[in-house]
C-alpha atoms as a PDB file:
ATOM      1  CA  ALA A   1     -35.015  23.166  -0.418  1.00  0.00           C
ATOM      2  CA  GLY A   2     -33.450  19.497  -2.146  1.00  0.00           C
ATOM      3  CA  GLY A   3     -32.550  16.458  -0.959  1.00  0.00           C
ATOM      4  CA  ARG A   4     -32.504  12.378  -1.579  1.00  0.00           C
ATOM      5  CA  ASN A   5     -34.629   9.694  -0.557  1.00  0.00           C
ATOM      6  CA  ASP A   6     -35.761   6.163  -1.851  1.00  0.00           C
ATOM      7  CA  ILE A   7     -39.554   5.608  -2.255  1.00  0.00           C
ATOM      8  CA  ARG A   8     -41.220   2.350  -3.222  1.00  0.00           C
ATOM      9  CA  GLY A   9     -43.449   2.380  -5.966  1.00  0.00           C
ATOM     10  CA  ALA A  10     -47.090   0.866  -6.587  1.00  0.00           C
ATOM     11  CA  HIS A  11     -45.548  -2.653  -7.332  1.00  0.00           C
ATOM     12  CA  GLY A  12     -42.639  -2.314  -4.670  1.00  0.00           C
ATOM     13  CA  THR A  13     -39.770  -1.616  -6.421  1.00  0.00           C
ATOM     14  CA  THR A  14     -37.695   1.067  -4.747  1.00  0.00           C
ATOM     15  CA  ALA A  15     -36.559   4.064  -6.504  1.00  0.00           C
ATOM     16  CA  HIS A  16     -33.650   6.484  -6.307  1.00  0.00           C
ATOM     17  CA  VAL A  17     -35.161  10.126  -5.986  1.00  0.00           C
ATOM     18  CA  ALA A  18     -34.285  13.787  -5.940  1.00  0.00           C
ATOM     19  CA  LEU A  19     -36.857  15.863  -4.326  1.00  0.00           C
ATOM     20  CA  SER A  20     -36.684  19.704  -5.306  1.00  0.00           C
ATOM     21  CA  ALA A  21     -39.287  22.099  -3.328  1.00  0.00           C
ATOM     22  CA  VAL A  22     -39.847  25.739  -2.674  1.00  0.00           C
ATOM     23  CA  THR A  23     -42.117  27.798  -0.587  1.00  0.00           C
ATOM     24  CA  PHE A  24     -45.117  29.917  -1.892  1.00  0.00           C
ATOM     25  CA  ASN A  25     -45.667  33.118   0.323  1.00  0.00           C
ATOM     26  CA  GLY A  26     -49.123  35.251   0.176  1.00  0.00           C
ATOM     27  CA  PRO A  27     -49.567  39.032   0.140  1.00  0.00           C
ATOM     28  CA  ASP A  28     -48.649  38.917   3.994  1.00  0.00           C
ATOM     29  CA  GLU A  29     -45.423  36.555   3.741  1.00  0.00           C
ATOM     30  CA  MET A  30     -47.234  33.590   5.458  1.00  0.00           C
ATOM     31  CA  PRO A  31     -46.275  30.494   3.617  1.00  0.00           C
ATOM     32  CA  ILE A  32     -49.220  29.589   1.907  1.00  0.00           C
ATOM     33  CA  GLY A  33     -48.443  26.450  -0.089  1.00  0.00           C
ATOM     34  CA  ILE A  34     -44.801  24.127  -1.681  1.00  0.00           C
ATOM     35  CA  ALA A  35     -44.170  23.021  -5.140  1.00  0.00           C
ATOM     36  CA  GLY A  36     -41.979  20.078  -5.532  1.00  0.00           C
ATOM     37  CA  VAL A  37     -40.189  18.270  -8.369  1.00  0.00           C
ATOM     38  CA  LEU A  38     -39.231  14.445  -8.107  1.00  0.00           C
ATOM     39  CA  ARG A  39     -36.470  13.136 -10.036  1.00  0.00           C
ATOM     40  CA  ASP A  40     -35.666   9.665 -10.752  1.00  0.00           C
ATOM     41  CA  ILE A  41     -32.303   9.362 -10.306  1.00  0.00           C
ATOM     42  CA  SER A  42     -31.749   5.284  -9.911  1.00  0.00           C
ATOM     43  CA  THR A  43     -29.347   4.853 -12.443  1.00  0.00           C
ATOM     44  CA  ARG A  44     -27.098   7.695 -11.435  1.00  0.00           C
ATOM     45  CA  LYS A  45     -27.775   6.066  -8.087  1.00  0.00           C
ATOM     46  CA  SER A  46     -26.893   2.591  -9.292  1.00  0.00           C
ATOM     47  CA  VAL A  47     -23.634   4.557 -11.313  1.00  0.00           C
ATOM     48  CA  GLU A  48     -22.135   5.528  -8.129  1.00  0.00           C
ATOM     49  CA  ILE A  49     -22.565   2.750  -6.143  1.00  0.00           C
ATOM     50  CA  ASP A  50     -21.053   0.278  -9.074  1.00  0.00           C
ATOM     51  CA  LEU A  51     -18.411   2.943  -9.148  1.00  0.00           C
ATOM     52  CA  ARG A  52     -17.581   3.135  -5.245  1.00  0.00           C
ATOM     53  CA  GLU A  53     -17.461  -1.367  -5.339  1.00  0.00           C
ATOM     54  CA  LYS A  54     -14.873  -0.941  -8.110  1.00  0.00           C
ATOM     55  CA  ALA A  55     -12.671   1.169  -6.308  1.00  0.00           C
ATOM     56  CA  PHE A  56     -13.100  -0.958  -3.181  1.00  0.00           C
ATOM     57  CA  ARG A  57     -12.522  -4.002  -5.239  1.00  0.00           C
ATOM     58  CA  ILE A  58      -9.135  -2.229  -6.377  1.00  0.00           C
ATOM     59  CA  ASP A  59      -7.817  -1.305  -3.341  1.00  0.00           C
ATOM     60  CA  ILE A  60      -8.377  -4.785  -2.285  1.00  0.00           C
ATOM     61  CA  MET A  61      -6.476  -5.924  -5.460  1.00  0.00           C
ATOM     62  CA  ASN A  62      -3.601  -3.401  -4.491  1.00  0.00           C
ATOM     63  CA  LYS A  63      -3.835  -4.880  -1.107  1.00  0.00           C
ATOM     64  CA  ILE A  64      -3.010  -8.311  -2.282  1.00  0.00           C
ATOM     65  CA  ALA A  65      -0.470  -7.428  -5.209  1.00  0.00           C
ATOM     66  CA  LYS A  66       1.647  -5.523  -2.376  1.00  0.00           C
ATOM     67  CA  LEU A  67       1.367  -8.706  -0.287  1.00  0.00           C
ATOM     68  CA  ALA A  68       2.569 -11.428  -3.515  1.00  0.00           C
ATOM     69  CA  GLY A  69       5.013  -8.792  -4.258  1.00  0.00           C
ATOM     70  CA  ALA A  70       6.951  -8.542  -1.114  1.00  0.00           C
ATOM     71  CA  ASN A  71       7.325 -12.501  -0.504  1.00  0.00           C
ATOM     72  CA  ILE A  72       8.912 -15.273  -2.807  1.00  0.00           C
ATOM     73  CA  ASP A  73       7.055 -17.898  -1.078  1.00  0.00           C
ATOM     74  CA  VAL A  74       3.242 -17.655  -1.559  1.00  0.00           C
ATOM     75  CA  ARG A  75       3.032 -19.761   1.685  1.00  0.00           C
ATOM     76  CA  ARG A  76       4.326 -17.020   3.818  1.00  0.00           C
ATOM     77  CA  VAL A  77       1.663 -14.352   2.516  1.00  0.00           C
ATOM     78  CA  LEU A  78      -1.496 -17.273   1.941  1.00  0.00           C
ATOM     79  CA  LEU A  79      -3.052 -16.339   5.535  1.00  0.00           C
ATOM     80  CA  GLY A  80      -2.994 -12.435   4.794  1.00  0.00           C
ATOM     81  CA  ILE A  81      -4.161 -13.146   1.043  1.00  0.00           C
ATOM     82  CA  SER A  82      -7.264 -15.181   2.502  1.00  0.00           C
ATOM     83  CA  GLU A  83      -8.078 -12.343   4.592  1.00  0.00           C
ATOM     84  CA  GLU A  84      -8.141  -9.600   2.115  1.00  0.00           C
ATOM     85  CA  LEU A  85     -10.201 -11.774  -0.062  1.00  0.00           C
ATOM     86  CA  ARG A  86     -12.807 -12.250   2.909  1.00  0.00           C
ATOM     87  CA  LYS A  87     -13.542  -8.565   1.914  1.00  0.00           C
ATOM     88  CA  LEU A  88     -14.603  -9.505  -1.378  1.00  0.00           C
ATOM     89  CA  ILE A  89     -16.230 -12.910  -1.262  1.00  0.00           C
ATOM     90  CA  ASN A  90     -17.403 -15.494   1.208  1.00  0.00           C
ATOM     91  CA  PHE A  91     -15.832 -18.541   1.891  1.00  0.00           C
ATOM     92  CA  ASP A  92     -16.112 -21.042   4.635  1.00  0.00           C
ATOM     93  CA  GLN A  93     -11.967 -22.520   3.147  1.00  0.00           C
ATOM     94  CA  LEU A  94      -9.537 -21.298   1.029  1.00  0.00           C
ATOM     95  CA  SER A  95      -6.867 -23.955  -0.379  1.00  0.00           C
ATOM     96  CA  MET A  96      -3.927 -23.605  -2.687  1.00  0.00           C
ATOM     97  CA  CYS A  97      -2.969 -26.526  -4.620  1.00  0.00           C
ATOM     98  CA  VAL A  98       0.493 -27.067  -6.446  1.00  0.00           C
ATOM     99  CA  THR A  99       1.885 -29.573  -8.710  1.00  0.00           C
ATOM    100  CA  GLU A 100       5.110 -31.165  -7.497  1.00  0.00           C
ATOM    101  CA  GLU A 101       8.444 -30.492 -10.035  1.00  0.00           C
ATOM    102  CA  LYS A 102       7.601 -33.639 -11.708  1.00  0.00           C
ATOM    103  CA  GLY A 103       3.936 -33.096 -12.192  1.00  0.00           C
ATOM    104  CA  ARG A 104       2.483 -36.666 -10.822  1.00  0.00           C
ATOM    105  CA  HIS A 105       1.216 -35.292  -7.800  1.00  0.00           C
ATOM    106  CA  VAL A 106      -0.633 -32.181  -6.026  1.00  0.00           C
ATOM    107  CA  GLU A 107       0.462 -30.430  -2.842  1.00  0.00           C
ATOM    108  CA  VAL A 108      -2.483 -29.247  -0.689  1.00  0.00           C
ATOM    109  CA  TYR A 109      -2.064 -26.307   1.500  1.00  0.00           C
ATOM    110  CA  VAL A 110      -4.409 -24.090   3.599  1.00  0.00           C
ATOM    111  CA  PRO A 111      -3.909 -20.784   5.509  1.00  0.00           C
ATOM    112  CA  ASP A 112      -2.861 -21.198   9.057  1.00  0.00           C
ATOM    113  CA  PRO A 113      -4.279 -19.058  11.633  1.00  0.00           C
ATOM    114  CA  LYS A 114      -1.567 -20.268  14.065  1.00  0.00           C
ATOM    115  CA  ASN A 115       1.393 -19.393  12.225  1.00  0.00           C
ATOM    116  CA  ALA A 116       0.852 -16.593  10.066  1.00  0.00           C
ATOM    117  CA  ALA A 117       4.268 -16.841   8.183  1.00  0.00           C
ATOM    118  CA  SER A 118       3.636 -20.730   6.723  1.00  0.00           C
ATOM    119  CA  ALA A 119       0.512 -22.592   5.390  1.00  0.00           C
ATOM    120  CA  LYS A 120      -0.476 -25.698   6.676  1.00  0.00           C
ATOM    121  CA  VAL A 121       0.369 -28.623   4.338  1.00  0.00           C
ATOM    122  CA  LEU A 122      -2.381 -30.938   4.635  1.00  0.00           C
ATOM    123  CA  GLY A 123      -0.819 -33.440   2.158  1.00  0.00           C
ATOM    124  CA  LYS A 124       0.021 -34.807  -1.505  1.00  0.00           C
ATOM    125  CA  VAL A 125      -2.527 -36.439  -3.830  1.00  0.00           C
ATOM    126  CA  PRO A 126      -2.333 -37.963  -7.066  1.00  0.00           C
ATOM    127  CA  PHE A 127      -2.073 -35.630 -10.154  1.00  0.00           C
ATOM    128  CA  GLU A 128      -4.268 -37.840 -12.456  1.00  0.00           C
ATOM    129  CA  GLY A 129      -8.391 -37.075 -10.489  1.00  0.00           C
ATOM    130  CA  SER A 130      -7.236 -33.717  -9.385  1.00  0.00           C
ATOM    131  CA  LEU A 131      -9.080 -30.089  -9.670  1.00  0.00           C
ATOM    132  CA  VAL A 132      -5.634 -29.172 -10.808  1.00  0.00           C
ATOM    133  CA  GLU A 133      -5.930 -31.579 -13.511  1.00  0.00           C
ATOM    134  CA  LYS A 134      -9.594 -31.133 -14.351  1.00  0.00           C
ATOM    135  CA  LEU A 135      -8.052 -26.865 -14.711  1.00  0.00           C
ATOM    136  CA  LYS A 136      -5.523 -27.725 -16.366  1.00  0.00           C
ATOM    137  CA  TYR A 137      -7.679 -29.556 -19.480  1.00  0.00           C
ATOM    138  CA  GLY A 138     -10.781 -27.848 -18.796  1.00  0.00           C
ATOM    139  CA  GLY A 139      -9.573 -24.517 -19.822  1.00  0.00           C
ATOM    140  CA  LYS A 140     -11.994 -22.892 -17.338  1.00  0.00           C
ATOM    141  CA  ALA A 141     -13.181 -22.209 -13.491  1.00  0.00           C
ATOM    142  CA  VAL A 142     -14.531 -25.132 -11.834  1.00  0.00           C
ATOM    143  CA  ILE A 143     -17.922 -23.913 -10.431  1.00  0.00           C
ATOM    144  CA  ILE A 144     -19.961 -26.670  -8.460  1.00  0.00           C
ATOM    145  CA  GLU A 145     -23.232 -24.753  -7.118  1.00  0.00           C
ATOM    146  CA  LYS A 146     -24.533 -28.253  -4.894  1.00  0.00           C
ATOM    147  CA  ASP A 147     -23.026 -31.447  -3.553  1.00  0.00           C
ATOM    148  CA  ALA A 148     -19.658 -30.561  -3.948  1.00  0.00           C
ATOM    149  CA  ASN A 149     -18.363 -32.547  -1.034  1.00  0.00           C
ATOM    150  CA  ARG A 150     -19.654 -35.944  -3.008  1.00  0.00           C
ATOM    151  CA  LYS A 151     -17.256 -34.702  -6.311  1.00  0.00           C
ATOM    152  CA  LEU A 152     -14.571 -37.123  -6.600  1.00  0.00           C
ATOM    153  CA  PHE A 153     -11.346 -34.940  -6.880  1.00  0.00           C
ATOM    154  CA  SER A 154      -8.251 -36.221  -5.290  1.00  0.00           C
ATOM    155  CA  GLU A 155      -7.630 -33.285  -2.865  1.00  0.00           C
ATOM    156  CA  PHE A 156     -11.051 -34.241  -1.136  1.00  0.00           C
ATOM    157  CA  GLY A 157      -8.960 -36.792   0.310  1.00  0.00           C
ATOM    158  CA  VAL A 158      -7.027 -34.424   2.359  1.00  0.00           C
ATOM    159  CA  LEU A 159      -9.221 -31.246   2.613  1.00  0.00           C
ATOM    160  CA  ASP A 160     -12.257 -31.462   5.260  1.00  0.00           C
ATOM    161  CA  THR A 161     -15.552 -31.452   2.983  1.00  0.00           C
ATOM    162  CA  THR A 162     -18.182 -33.082   6.005  1.00  0.00           C
ATOM    163  CA  LYS A 163     -19.817 -29.472   5.542  1.00  0.00           C
ATOM    164  CA  THR A 164     -18.857 -28.349   1.492  1.00  0.00           C
ATOM    165  CA  SER A 165     -21.952 -27.144  -0.725  1.00  0.00           C
ATOM    166  CA  SER A 166     -20.641 -24.937  -2.690  1.00  0.00           C
ATOM    167  CA  MET A 167     -17.425 -24.468  -4.443  1.00  0.00           C
ATOM    168  CA  VAL A 168     -15.426 -22.826  -6.840  1.00  0.00           C
ATOM    169  CA  ALA A 169     -11.604 -23.736  -8.259  1.00  0.00           C
ATOM    170  CA  VAL A 170      -9.329 -21.393 -11.148  1.00  0.00           C
ATOM    171  CA  PRO A 171      -6.122 -22.167 -12.513  1.00  0.00           C
ATOM    172  CA  LEU A 172      -3.035 -20.988 -11.378  1.00  0.00           C
ATOM    173  CA  THR A 173      -0.987 -19.946 -14.617  1.00  0.00           C
ATOM    174  CA  SER A 174       2.053 -18.595 -15.325  1.00  0.00           C
ATOM    175  CA  ARG A 175       3.740 -18.192 -18.772  1.00  0.00           C
ATOM    176  CA  GLY A 176       0.993 -20.179 -19.916  1.00  0.00           C
ATOM    177  CA  ARG A 177       1.055 -22.974 -17.850  1.00  0.00           C
ATOM    178  CA  VAL A 178      -1.020 -24.614 -14.972  1.00  0.00           C
ATOM    179  CA  LEU A 179       0.990 -24.846 -12.310  1.00  0.00           C
ATOM    180  CA  GLY A 180      -2.296 -25.628  -9.753  1.00  0.00           C
ATOM    181  CA  SER A 181      -5.450 -24.237  -8.553  1.00  0.00           C
ATOM    182  CA  LEU A 182      -6.742 -21.521  -5.887  1.00  0.00           C
ATOM    183  CA  ASN A 183     -10.643 -23.079  -4.313  1.00  0.00           C
ATOM    184  CA  ILE A 184     -12.484 -21.137  -2.196  1.00  0.00           C
ATOM    185  CA  SER A 185     -15.734 -23.292  -0.562  1.00  0.00           C
ATOM    186  CA  HIS A 186     -19.009 -22.824   1.302  1.00  0.00           C
ATOM    187  CA  SER A 187     -21.493 -24.487   3.253  1.00  0.00           C
ATOM    188  CA  LYS A 188     -24.488 -22.813   1.532  1.00  0.00           C
ATOM    189  CA  GLN A 189     -25.835 -24.274  -1.936  1.00  0.00           C
ATOM    190  CA  GLY A 190     -25.182 -22.024  -4.668  1.00  0.00           C
ATOM    191  CA  GLU A 191     -22.968 -19.455  -3.239  1.00  0.00           C
ATOM    192  CA  TYR A 192     -20.866 -19.066  -6.102  1.00  0.00           C
ATOM    193  CA  ASN A 193     -20.653 -18.011 -10.092  1.00  0.00           C
ATOM    194  CA  TRP A 194     -19.044 -17.000 -12.822  1.00  0.00           C
ATOM    195  CA  GLU A 195     -18.788 -13.340 -11.729  1.00  0.00           C
ATOM    196  CA  SER A 196     -17.007 -15.337  -7.908  1.00  0.00           C
ATOM    197  CA  ALA A 197     -14.635 -16.984 -10.155  1.00  0.00           C
ATOM    198  CA  GLU A 198     -13.765 -13.495 -11.905  1.00  0.00           C
ATOM    199  CA  ILE A 199     -12.900 -12.552  -8.130  1.00  0.00           C
ATOM    200  CA  LEU A 200     -10.597 -15.509  -7.177  1.00  0.00           C
ATOM    201  CA  GLN A 201      -8.718 -15.297 -10.816  1.00  0.00           C
ATOM    202  CA  MET A 202      -7.927 -11.941 -10.394  1.00  0.00           C
ATOM    203  CA  VAL A 203      -6.353 -13.103  -6.741  1.00  0.00           C
ATOM    204  CA  ALA A 204      -4.999 -16.123  -8.677  1.00  0.00           C
ATOM    205  CA  ASP A 205      -2.913 -14.268 -11.021  1.00  0.00           C
ATOM    206  CA  GLN A 206      -1.439 -12.542  -8.225  1.00  0.00           C
ATOM    207  CA  VAL A 207      -0.627 -15.601  -6.855  1.00  0.00           C
ATOM    208  CA  ALA A 208       0.877 -17.674  -9.744  1.00  0.00           C
ATOM    209  CA  GLY A 209       3.552 -15.656 -10.301  1.00  0.00           C
ATOM    210  CA  LEU A 210       4.988 -16.591  -6.427  1.00  0.00           C
ATOM    211  CA  ILE A 211       3.726 -20.328  -7.516  1.00  0.00           C
ATOM    212  CA  ASP A 212       6.397 -20.346 -10.581  1.00  0.00           C
ATOM    213  CA  ASN A 213       9.123 -18.486  -8.328  1.00  0.00           C
ATOM    214  CA  MET A 214       8.803 -21.239  -5.974  1.00  0.00           C
ATOM    215  CA  VAL A 215       8.915 -23.999  -8.254  1.00  0.00           C
ATOM    216  CA  LEU A 216      11.471 -22.328 -10.271  1.00  0.00           C
ATOM    217  CA  LEU A 217      13.595 -21.934  -6.486  1.00  0.00           C
ATOM    218  CA  THR A 218      13.145 -25.538  -5.907  1.00  0.00           C
ATOM    219  CA  THR A 219      14.360 -27.054  -9.265  1.00  0.00           C
ATOM    220  CA  LEU A 220      17.597 -24.794  -8.777  1.00  0.00           C
ATOM    221  CA  GLU A 221      18.122 -25.827  -5.723  1.00  0.00           C
ATOM    222  CA  ASN A 222      17.662 -29.418  -6.614  1.00  0.00           C
ATOM    223  CA  LYS A 223      19.981 -28.990  -9.138  1.00  0.00           C
ATOM    224  CA  ILE A 224      22.767 -27.479  -7.216  1.00  0.00           C
ATOM    225  CA  LYS A 225      22.789 -30.384  -4.744  1.00  0.00           C
ATOM    226  CA  LEU A 226      23.118 -32.919  -7.426  1.00  0.00           C
ATOM    227  CA  HIS A 227      26.575 -31.059  -8.290  1.00  0.00           C
END
């Protein structure tokens, strides 16, 4: 017979083991004993769990890619993207910041549960002093482990950060240009790390192309109006 189980070691550590056992019979064919072998399969189990997690992550990313690929305006799919992302990472609030055409201001959007077809516009803030500016010139994700509500980024003028403790923001980059930022926040301290930023960045890479399309379309519409 065989089977798998978890056992706890002397120091409180848990290991995954595989048990193989056979019974020994006496001359009268009655069982007189059992011989068994325990094999530590913790490494194999860890690999299996890691592969399942990667497959799940890929599935979520494919769903987000389909949402992004089916629209030309990211504001129409922001709620769906938020709901899919929540399956991979915890957050209280997701927000998207996009620089306007002339680059002097940043528009702030959040998913609107009451209207899945359009994101909620919170307002427009100065580019100077913004998260987007920090990402543009900093070159990497911004991770705030605690007291995020005290950080003076211009977006915080329209975002509700009263209960925010930790935050991660990544750039929305297309064709080598930072067009905005994708941000998540949580009321718990120390909720995010570089792995969290990597997950969010994969989503941002899907969203950035849509942002670029929005900017190009707006520019084209404005040029047409001028003629």
